[in-house]
Amino acid sequence: MNFYALIIGSEILNQRRIDAHFDFLATALTSYGYTLKGSFVIADEPALIVSTLKYLKSLPKSIVFSLGGIGSTPDDYTRQAASDALRDGRLVQNKEASQIIIDQLGEKAYPYAINMANLPKDADIIENPFNKMPAFSLDNRFFFTPGFPEMSHPMIKGILSKLIKKPLAVYRLTLTALCRESELIETMREMPTNVECSSLPKIYSDGPRVVLSVASNNKELTIEAFRQFTTMLDNKKIIYGLNDENAI
């Protein structure tokens, strides 16, 4: 599965609110051995939401968490955009969602809140433990939740626990070398495709340093790949130190 975040809210882009979703999603996925493939922060514009959803649908094995825009105010476009991008463009009143809203709000469900029950065809309801107002999903692949972290984050935790039956094991080793990043490139090019290899360079007053990270889902492969770097650094007499987080 390839996970993506779609964070919808002009108030984030104009800095009236600070995004709280990216860090949450990244951390939640890491606990299962996954990482975000991409995160999109976009304005409350119908055409932009539709085109972004269509693009995310085109990506292989994409799982999308959409946050924001499913309320009942005039600038909540996500329900309609989801139908335009992923269904036939119609919104139909979801009986389950309607009943939940009426049970919670009574007469106050009308004339506006009840519109939150107008959903794309064949939508599945996502329970909202915060205030019971329903969110929804399509095809067990696109999950549409509110923009409020206190509502959406518990929902997403529950979704992940069902989607990921067995967390992936990830083995990572890191070091810091007193050299330029260019010293590592030749060995980096020799890494197998199933090994994640990255370098983070920085220039200090006493010279360059680079933090090297090697990771994979195979313990032995990670150790062997990391050994290629330490052997290379030893041969070049480059000073390095193993980082504290090494616990393979």
C-alpha atoms as a PDB file:
ATOM      1  CA  MET A   1       0.000   0.000   0.000  1.00  0.00           C
ATOM      2  CA  ASN A   2       1.155   3.519  -0.844  1.00  0.00           C
ATOM      3  CA  PHE A   3      -0.227   6.152   1.527  1.00  0.00           C
ATOM      4  CA  TYR A   4      -0.999   9.761   0.634  1.00  0.00           C
ATOM      5  CA  ALA A   5      -2.367  12.712   2.596  1.00  0.00           C
ATOM      6  CA  LEU A   6      -4.721  15.230   1.021  1.00  0.00           C
ATOM      7  CA  ILE A   7      -5.046  18.183   3.383  1.00  0.00           C
ATOM      8  CA  ILE A   8      -7.755  20.569   2.210  1.00  0.00           C
ATOM      9  CA  GLY A   9      -7.959  24.053   3.684  1.00  0.00           C
ATOM     10  CA  SER A  10      -7.287  27.560   2.447  1.00  0.00           C
ATOM     11  CA  GLU A  11      -6.857  28.547   6.114  1.00  0.00           C
ATOM     12  CA  ILE A  12      -3.653  26.472   6.239  1.00  0.00           C
ATOM     13  CA  LEU A  13      -2.232  27.995   3.073  1.00  0.00           C
ATOM     14  CA  ASN A  14      -2.935  31.558   4.235  1.00  0.00           C
ATOM     15  CA  GLN A  15      -1.585  30.644   7.704  1.00  0.00           C
ATOM     16  CA  ARG A  16      -4.757  31.307   9.667  1.00  0.00           C
ATOM     17  CA  ARG A  17      -4.252  27.769  10.976  1.00  0.00           C
ATOM     18  CA  ILE A  18      -1.167  25.613  11.454  1.00  0.00           C
ATOM     19  CA  ASP A  19      -1.334  22.159   9.900  1.00  0.00           C
ATOM     20  CA  ALA A  20      -1.438  19.355  12.467  1.00  0.00           C
ATOM     21  CA  HIS A  21      -2.132  16.482  10.084  1.00  0.00           C
ATOM     22  CA  PHE A  22       1.193  15.806   8.363  1.00  0.00           C
ATOM     23  CA  ASP A  23       3.145  15.054  11.544  1.00  0.00           C
ATOM     24  CA  PHE A  24       0.313  12.912  12.880  1.00  0.00           C
ATOM     25  CA  LEU A  25       0.030  10.818   9.719  1.00  0.00           C
ATOM     26  CA  ALA A  26       3.780  10.417   9.331  1.00  0.00           C
ATOM     27  CA  THR A  27       4.125   9.248  12.923  1.00  0.00           C
ATOM     28  CA  ALA A  28       1.107   6.945  12.778  1.00  0.00           C
ATOM     29  CA  LEU A  29       2.361   5.251   9.615  1.00  0.00           C
ATOM     30  CA  THR A  30       5.887   4.884  10.966  1.00  0.00           C
ATOM     31  CA  SER A  31       4.511   2.838  13.863  1.00  0.00           C
ATOM     32  CA  TYR A  32       3.321   0.327  11.245  1.00  0.00           C
ATOM     33  CA  GLY A  33       6.553   0.356   9.247  1.00  0.00           C
ATOM     34  CA  TYR A  34       5.163   2.570   6.457  1.00  0.00           C
ATOM     35  CA  THR A  35       5.855   6.132   5.358  1.00  0.00           C
ATOM     36  CA  LEU A  36       3.830   8.692   3.434  1.00  0.00           C
ATOM     37  CA  LYS A  37       4.489   8.616  -0.301  1.00  0.00           C
ATOM     38  CA  GLY A  38       3.228  12.153  -0.635  1.00  0.00           C
ATOM     39  CA  SER A  39       1.330  14.919   1.111  1.00  0.00           C
ATOM     40  CA  PHE A  40      -0.745  17.547  -0.689  1.00  0.00           C
ATOM     41  CA  VAL A  41      -2.008  20.758   0.942  1.00  0.00           C
ATOM     42  CA  ILE A  42      -4.531  22.433  -1.326  1.00  0.00           C
ATOM     43  CA  ALA A  43      -7.076  25.252  -1.234  1.00  0.00           C
ATOM     44  CA  ASP A  44     -10.835  24.841  -0.907  1.00  0.00           C
ATOM     45  CA  GLU A  45     -11.349  24.974  -4.666  1.00  0.00           C
ATOM     46  CA  PRO A  46     -13.647  22.374  -6.263  1.00  0.00           C
ATOM     47  CA  ALA A  47     -11.718  21.924  -9.515  1.00  0.00           C
ATOM     48  CA  LEU A  48      -8.424  21.576  -7.646  1.00  0.00           C
ATOM     49  CA  ILE A  49      -9.856  18.975  -5.262  1.00  0.00           C
ATOM     50  CA  VAL A  50     -11.319  16.983  -8.153  1.00  0.00           C
ATOM     51  CA  SER A  51      -8.115  17.001 -10.201  1.00  0.00           C
ATOM     52  CA  THR A  52      -5.990  16.045  -7.185  1.00  0.00           C
ATOM     53  CA  LEU A  53      -8.275  13.125  -6.315  1.00  0.00           C
ATOM     54  CA  LYS A  54      -8.175  11.902  -9.920  1.00  0.00           C
ATOM     55  CA  TYR A  55      -4.393  12.062  -9.885  1.00  0.00           C
ATOM     56  CA  LEU A  56      -4.161  10.157  -6.606  1.00  0.00           C
ATOM     57  CA  LYS A  57      -6.546   7.537  -7.973  1.00  0.00           C
ATOM     58  CA  SER A  58      -4.215   7.000 -10.935  1.00  0.00           C
ATOM     59  CA  LEU A  59      -1.264   6.103  -8.689  1.00  0.00           C
ATOM     60  CA  PRO A  60      -0.633   2.381  -8.069  1.00  0.00           C
ATOM     61  CA  LYS A  61      -1.932   0.940  -4.783  1.00  0.00           C
ATOM     62  CA  SER A  62      -2.763   4.398  -3.477  1.00  0.00           C
ATOM     63  CA  ILE A  63      -4.530   4.819  -0.147  1.00  0.00           C
ATOM     64  CA  VAL A  64      -5.668   8.405   0.446  1.00  0.00           C
ATOM     65  CA  PHE A  65      -6.525  10.168   3.681  1.00  0.00           C
ATOM     66  CA  SER A  66      -8.416  13.346   2.840  1.00  0.00           C
ATOM     67  CA  LEU A  67      -8.821  15.835   5.670  1.00  0.00           C
ATOM     68  CA  GLY A  68     -11.207  18.772   5.544  1.00  0.00           C
ATOM     69  CA  GLY A  69     -14.168  20.107   3.618  1.00  0.00           C
ATOM     70  CA  ILE A  70     -16.916  17.596   4.510  1.00  0.00           C
ATOM     71  CA  GLY A  71     -19.028  19.903   6.679  1.00  0.00           C
ATOM     72  CA  SER A  72     -22.216  21.796   5.857  1.00  0.00           C
ATOM     73  CA  THR A  73     -20.973  25.319   5.099  1.00  0.00           C
ATOM     74  CA  PRO A  74     -20.899  26.714   1.547  1.00  0.00           C
ATOM     75  CA  ASP A  75     -17.114  26.304   1.289  1.00  0.00           C
ATOM     76  CA  ASP A  76     -17.197  22.579   2.120  1.00  0.00           C
ATOM     77  CA  TYR A  77     -16.707  21.148  -1.360  1.00  0.00           C
ATOM     78  CA  THR A  78     -15.096  17.777  -0.655  1.00  0.00           C
ATOM     79  CA  ARG A  79     -18.228  15.598  -0.719  1.00  0.00           C
ATOM     80  CA  GLN A  80     -19.223  16.848  -4.163  1.00  0.00           C
ATOM     81  CA  ALA A  81     -15.633  16.761  -5.414  1.00  0.00           C
ATOM     82  CA  ALA A  82     -15.291  13.145  -4.280  1.00  0.00           C
ATOM     83  CA  SER A  83     -18.350  12.199  -6.315  1.00  0.00           C
ATOM     84  CA  ASP A  84     -17.126  14.179  -9.336  1.00  0.00           C
ATOM     85  CA  ALA A  85     -13.699  12.535  -9.215  1.00  0.00           C
ATOM     86  CA  LEU A  86     -14.538   9.004  -8.109  1.00  0.00           C
ATOM     87  CA  ARG A  87     -18.231   8.410  -8.893  1.00  0.00           C
ATOM     88  CA  ASP A  88     -20.872   9.774 -11.264  1.00  0.00           C
ATOM     89  CA  GLY A  89     -21.049  13.312  -9.908  1.00  0.00           C
ATOM     90  CA  ARG A  90     -24.274  12.813  -7.960  1.00  0.00           C
ATOM     91  CA  LEU A  91     -24.740  13.071  -4.216  1.00  0.00           C
ATOM     92  CA  VAL A  92     -27.359  10.819  -2.631  1.00  0.00           C
ATOM     93  CA  GLN A  93     -28.702  10.959   0.887  1.00  0.00           C
ATOM     94  CA  ASN A  94     -27.022   8.223   2.875  1.00  0.00           C
ATOM     95  CA  LYS A  95     -29.623   6.747   5.203  1.00  0.00           C
ATOM     96  CA  GLU A  96     -27.136   5.694   7.858  1.00  0.00           C
ATOM     97  CA  ALA A  97     -25.505   9.128   7.934  1.00  0.00           C
ATOM     98  CA  SER A  98     -28.916  10.849   8.008  1.00  0.00           C
ATOM     99  CA  GLN A  99     -30.041   8.818  10.998  1.00  0.00           C
ATOM    100  CA  ILE A 100     -26.843   9.528  12.912  1.00  0.00           C
ATOM    101  CA  ILE A 101     -27.166  13.279  12.326  1.00  0.00           C
ATOM    102  CA  ILE A 102     -30.858  13.327  13.329  1.00  0.00           C
ATOM    103  CA  ASP A 103     -30.181  11.227  16.430  1.00  0.00           C
ATOM    104  CA  GLN A 104     -27.477  13.626  17.535  1.00  0.00           C
ATOM    105  CA  LEU A 105     -29.034  16.963  16.610  1.00  0.00           C
ATOM    106  CA  GLY A 106     -32.781  16.405  16.473  1.00  0.00           C
ATOM    107  CA  GLU A 107     -34.555  19.400  14.946  1.00  0.00           C
ATOM    108  CA  LYS A 108     -31.247  21.265  14.764  1.00  0.00           C
ATOM    109  CA  ALA A 109     -30.237  18.874  11.975  1.00  0.00           C
ATOM    110  CA  TYR A 110     -32.338  21.040   9.664  1.00  0.00           C
ATOM    111  CA  PRO A 111     -31.908  22.864   7.376  1.00  0.00           C
ATOM    112  CA  TYR A 112     -28.116  22.624   7.075  1.00  0.00           C
ATOM    113  CA  ALA A 113     -26.430  19.860   9.087  1.00  0.00           C
ATOM    114  CA  ILE A 114     -28.511  17.171   7.383  1.00  0.00           C
ATOM    115  CA  ASN A 115     -26.703  18.032   4.147  1.00  0.00           C
ATOM    116  CA  MET A 116     -23.636  16.260   5.530  1.00  0.00           C
ATOM    117  CA  ALA A 117     -25.536  13.038   4.804  1.00  0.00           C
ATOM    118  CA  ASN A 118     -25.475  13.805   1.063  1.00  0.00           C
ATOM    119  CA  LEU A 119     -22.617  11.571  -0.033  1.00  0.00           C
ATOM    120  CA  PRO A 120     -21.246   9.912  -3.182  1.00  0.00           C
ATOM    121  CA  LYS A 121     -22.934   6.683  -4.235  1.00  0.00           C
ATOM    122  CA  ASP A 122     -21.995   3.575  -2.214  1.00  0.00           C
ATOM    123  CA  ALA A 123     -20.128   5.550   0.437  1.00  0.00           C
ATOM    124  CA  ASP A 124     -19.290   3.742   3.661  1.00  0.00           C
ATOM    125  CA  ILE A 125     -19.653   5.584   6.952  1.00  0.00           C
ATOM    126  CA  ILE A 126     -16.658   6.238   9.205  1.00  0.00           C
ATOM    127  CA  GLU A 127     -17.677   6.586  12.842  1.00  0.00           C
ATOM    128  CA  ASN A 128     -16.712   9.813  14.588  1.00  0.00           C
ATOM    129  CA  PRO A 129     -15.969   9.167  18.278  1.00  0.00           C
ATOM    130  CA  PHE A 130     -15.695  12.901  19.017  1.00  0.00           C
ATOM    131  CA  ASN A 131     -19.168  14.200  18.192  1.00  0.00           C
ATOM    132  CA  LYS A 132     -20.724  11.348  16.153  1.00  0.00           C
ATOM    133  CA  MET A 133     -20.997  13.429  12.959  1.00  0.00           C
ATOM    134  CA  PRO A 134     -20.175  10.857  10.243  1.00  0.00           C
ATOM    135  CA  ALA A 135     -17.277  10.878   7.823  1.00  0.00           C
ATOM    136  CA  PHE A 136     -17.131   8.543   4.835  1.00  0.00           C
ATOM    137  CA  SER A 137     -14.940   6.358   2.641  1.00  0.00           C
ATOM    138  CA  LEU A 138     -15.037   5.065  -0.921  1.00  0.00           C
ATOM    139  CA  ASP A 139     -13.788   1.656  -2.039  1.00  0.00           C
ATOM    140  CA  ASN A 140     -11.862   1.143   1.230  1.00  0.00           C
ATOM    141  CA  ARG A 141      -9.212   3.282  -0.430  1.00  0.00           C
ATOM    142  CA  PHE A 142     -10.272   6.930  -0.116  1.00  0.00           C
ATOM    143  CA  PHE A 143     -11.023   8.057   3.432  1.00  0.00           C
ATOM    144  CA  PHE A 144     -12.668  11.460   3.864  1.00  0.00           C
ATOM    145  CA  THR A 145     -12.460  12.904   7.374  1.00  0.00           C
ATOM    146  CA  PRO A 146     -13.008  16.323   8.972  1.00  0.00           C
ATOM    147  CA  GLY A 147     -10.335  18.976   9.126  1.00  0.00           C
ATOM    148  CA  PHE A 148     -10.444  19.053  12.932  1.00  0.00           C
ATOM    149  CA  PRO A 149      -7.580  16.914  14.321  1.00  0.00           C
ATOM    150  CA  GLU A 150      -9.576  15.894  17.410  1.00  0.00           C
ATOM    151  CA  MET A 151     -12.103  14.261  15.070  1.00  0.00           C
ATOM    152  CA  SER A 152     -10.025  12.971  12.186  1.00  0.00           C
ATOM    153  CA  HIS A 153      -7.007  11.566  14.025  1.00  0.00           C
ATOM    154  CA  PRO A 154      -8.896   8.960  16.095  1.00  0.00           C
ATOM    155  CA  MET A 155     -10.760   7.962  12.931  1.00  0.00           C
ATOM    156  CA  ILE A 156      -7.529   7.447  11.022  1.00  0.00           C
ATOM    157  CA  LYS A 157      -5.995   5.428  13.850  1.00  0.00           C
ATOM    158  CA  GLY A 158      -8.973   3.078  13.673  1.00  0.00           C
ATOM    159  CA  ILE A 159      -8.737   2.835   9.882  1.00  0.00           C
ATOM    160  CA  LEU A 160      -5.024   1.998   9.971  1.00  0.00           C
ATOM    161  CA  SER A 161      -5.561  -0.729  12.547  1.00  0.00           C
ATOM    162  CA  LYS A 162      -7.954  -2.419  10.115  1.00  0.00           C
ATOM    163  CA  LEU A 163      -5.979  -1.798   6.914  1.00  0.00           C
ATOM    164  CA  ILE A 164      -2.610  -2.991   8.220  1.00  0.00           C
ATOM    165  CA  LYS A 165      -3.016  -6.418   9.755  1.00  0.00           C
ATOM    166  CA  LYS A 166       0.706  -7.006  10.143  1.00  0.00           C
ATOM    167  CA  PRO A 167       3.127  -4.072  10.536  1.00  0.00           C
ATOM    168  CA  LEU A 168       6.208  -4.094   8.344  1.00  0.00           C
ATOM    169  CA  ALA A 169       9.548  -4.645  10.047  1.00  0.00           C
ATOM    170  CA  VAL A 170      12.028  -1.892   9.163  1.00  0.00           C
ATOM    171  CA  TYR A 171      15.726  -2.200   9.990  1.00  0.00           C
ATOM    172  CA  ARG A 172      17.789   1.001   9.903  1.00  0.00           C
ATOM    173  CA  LEU A 173      21.436   1.817  10.558  1.00  0.00           C
ATOM    174  CA  THR A 174      22.934   5.327  10.511  1.00  0.00           C
ATOM    175  CA  LEU A 175      26.305   6.970  10.864  1.00  0.00           C
ATOM    176  CA  THR A 176      27.813  10.431  10.738  1.00  0.00           C
ATOM    177  CA  ALA A 177      30.952  10.813   8.619  1.00  0.00           C
ATOM    178  CA  LEU A 178      33.372  13.735   8.565  1.00  0.00           C
ATOM    179  CA  CYS A 179      33.350  14.159   4.807  1.00  0.00           C
ATOM    180  CA  ARG A 180      31.423  15.611   1.914  1.00  0.00           C
ATOM    181  CA  GLU A 181      28.386  13.843   0.517  1.00  0.00           C
ATOM    182  CA  SER A 182      30.241  13.231  -2.747  1.00  0.00           C
ATOM    183  CA  GLU A 183      32.489  10.678  -0.989  1.00  0.00           C
ATOM    184  CA  LEU A 184      29.451   8.408  -0.563  1.00  0.00           C
ATOM    185  CA  ILE A 185      27.936   8.594  -4.024  1.00  0.00           C
ATOM    186  CA  GLU A 186      29.837   5.728  -5.631  1.00  0.00           C
ATOM    187  CA  THR A 187      28.795   3.307  -2.887  1.00  0.00           C
ATOM    188  CA  MET A 188      25.245   4.667  -2.888  1.00  0.00           C
ATOM    189  CA  ARG A 189      24.979   3.820  -6.565  1.00  0.00           C
ATOM    190  CA  GLU A 190      25.837   0.191  -5.741  1.00  0.00           C
ATOM    191  CA  MET A 191      22.898  -0.219  -3.342  1.00  0.00           C
ATOM    192  CA  PRO A 192      20.146  -2.713  -4.300  1.00  0.00           C
ATOM    193  CA  THR A 193      16.794  -1.210  -5.225  1.00  0.00           C
ATOM    194  CA  ASN A 194      15.170  -2.732  -2.136  1.00  0.00           C
ATOM    195  CA  VAL A 195      17.513  -0.829   0.181  1.00  0.00           C
ATOM    196  CA  GLU A 196      16.574   2.711   1.195  1.00  0.00           C
ATOM    197  CA  CYS A 197      19.718   4.812   1.258  1.00  0.00           C
ATOM    198  CA  SER A 198      19.821   8.524   2.016  1.00  0.00           C
ATOM    199  CA  SER A 199      22.350  11.156   3.043  1.00  0.00           C
ATOM    200  CA  LEU A 200      21.892  14.464   4.833  1.00  0.00           C
ATOM    201  CA  PRO A 201      24.875  16.799   4.396  1.00  0.00           C
ATOM    202  CA  LYS A 202      25.699  19.839   6.510  1.00  0.00           C
ATOM    203  CA  ILE A 203      28.545  22.304   6.646  1.00  0.00           C
ATOM    204  CA  TYR A 204      29.908  23.228  10.078  1.00  0.00           C
ATOM    205  CA  SER A 205      32.563  25.746  11.030  1.00  0.00           C
ATOM    206  CA  ASP A 206      35.069  22.901  11.396  1.00  0.00           C
ATOM    207  CA  GLY A 207      34.173  21.268   8.077  1.00  0.00           C
ATOM    208  CA  PRO A 208      31.576  19.117   6.313  1.00  0.00           C
ATOM    209  CA  ARG A 209      29.623  16.242   7.802  1.00  0.00           C
ATOM    210  CA  VAL A 210      27.074  13.873   6.365  1.00  0.00           C
ATOM    211  CA  VAL A 211      24.545  11.633   8.084  1.00  0.00           C
ATOM    212  CA  LEU A 212      24.075   8.383   6.175  1.00  0.00           C
ATOM    213  CA  SER A 213      21.010   6.176   6.643  1.00  0.00           C
ATOM    214  CA  VAL A 214      20.543   2.642   5.314  1.00  0.00           C
ATOM    215  CA  ALA A 215      17.272   0.729   5.797  1.00  0.00           C
ATOM    216  CA  SER A 216      15.266  -2.184   4.448  1.00  0.00           C
ATOM    217  CA  ASN A 217      12.720  -4.783   5.513  1.00  0.00           C
ATOM    218  CA  ASN A 218      15.485  -7.414   5.615  1.00  0.00           C
ATOM    219  CA  LYS A 219      17.827  -7.357   8.606  1.00  0.00           C
ATOM    220  CA  GLU A 220      20.743  -9.154   6.954  1.00  0.00           C
ATOM    221  CA  LEU A 221      20.476  -7.034   3.817  1.00  0.00           C
ATOM    222  CA  THR A 222      20.560  -3.840   5.894  1.00  0.00           C
ATOM    223  CA  ILE A 223      23.653  -4.973   7.787  1.00  0.00           C
ATOM    224  CA  GLU A 224      25.462  -5.947   4.590  1.00  0.00           C
ATOM    225  CA  ALA A 225      24.590  -2.676   2.827  1.00  0.00           C
ATOM    226  CA  PHE A 226      25.747  -0.680   5.841  1.00  0.00           C
ATOM    227  CA  ARG A 227      28.988  -2.671   5.956  1.00  0.00           C
ATOM    228  CA  GLN A 228      29.751  -1.584   2.396  1.00  0.00           C
ATOM    229  CA  PHE A 229      29.779   2.017   3.581  1.00  0.00           C
ATOM    230  CA  THR A 230      31.842   1.433   6.710  1.00  0.00           C
ATOM    231  CA  THR A 231      34.373  -0.575   4.675  1.00  0.00           C
ATOM    232  CA  MET A 232      34.617   2.215   2.124  1.00  0.00           C
ATOM    233  CA  LEU A 233      35.066   4.843   4.836  1.00  0.00           C
ATOM    234  CA  ASP A 234      37.719   2.739   6.574  1.00  0.00           C
ATOM    235  CA  ASN A 235      39.602   2.295   3.297  1.00  0.00           C
ATOM    236  CA  LYS A 236      39.533   6.052   2.690  1.00  0.00           C
ATOM    237  CA  LYS A 237      40.528   6.709   6.319  1.00  0.00           C
ATOM    238  CA  ILE A 238      37.448   8.905   6.784  1.00  0.00           C
ATOM    239  CA  ILE A 239      36.436   9.364  10.406  1.00  0.00           C
ATOM    240  CA  TYR A 240      32.852   8.395  11.231  1.00  0.00           C
ATOM    241  CA  GLY A 241      30.721   7.456  14.202  1.00  0.00           C
ATOM    242  CA  LEU A 242      27.696   5.186  14.576  1.00  0.00           C
ATOM    243  CA  ASN A 243      24.591   7.086  15.621  1.00  0.00           C
ATOM    244  CA  ASP A 244      22.760   6.381  18.865  1.00  0.00           C
ATOM    245  CA  GLU A 245      19.552   5.172  17.167  1.00  0.00           C
ATOM    246  CA  ASN A 246      21.299   2.091  15.755  1.00  0.00           C
ATOM    247  CA  ALA A 247      19.302  -0.754  17.269  1.00  0.00           C
ATOM    248  CA  ILE A 248      18.860  -3.381  14.608  1.00  0.00           C
END
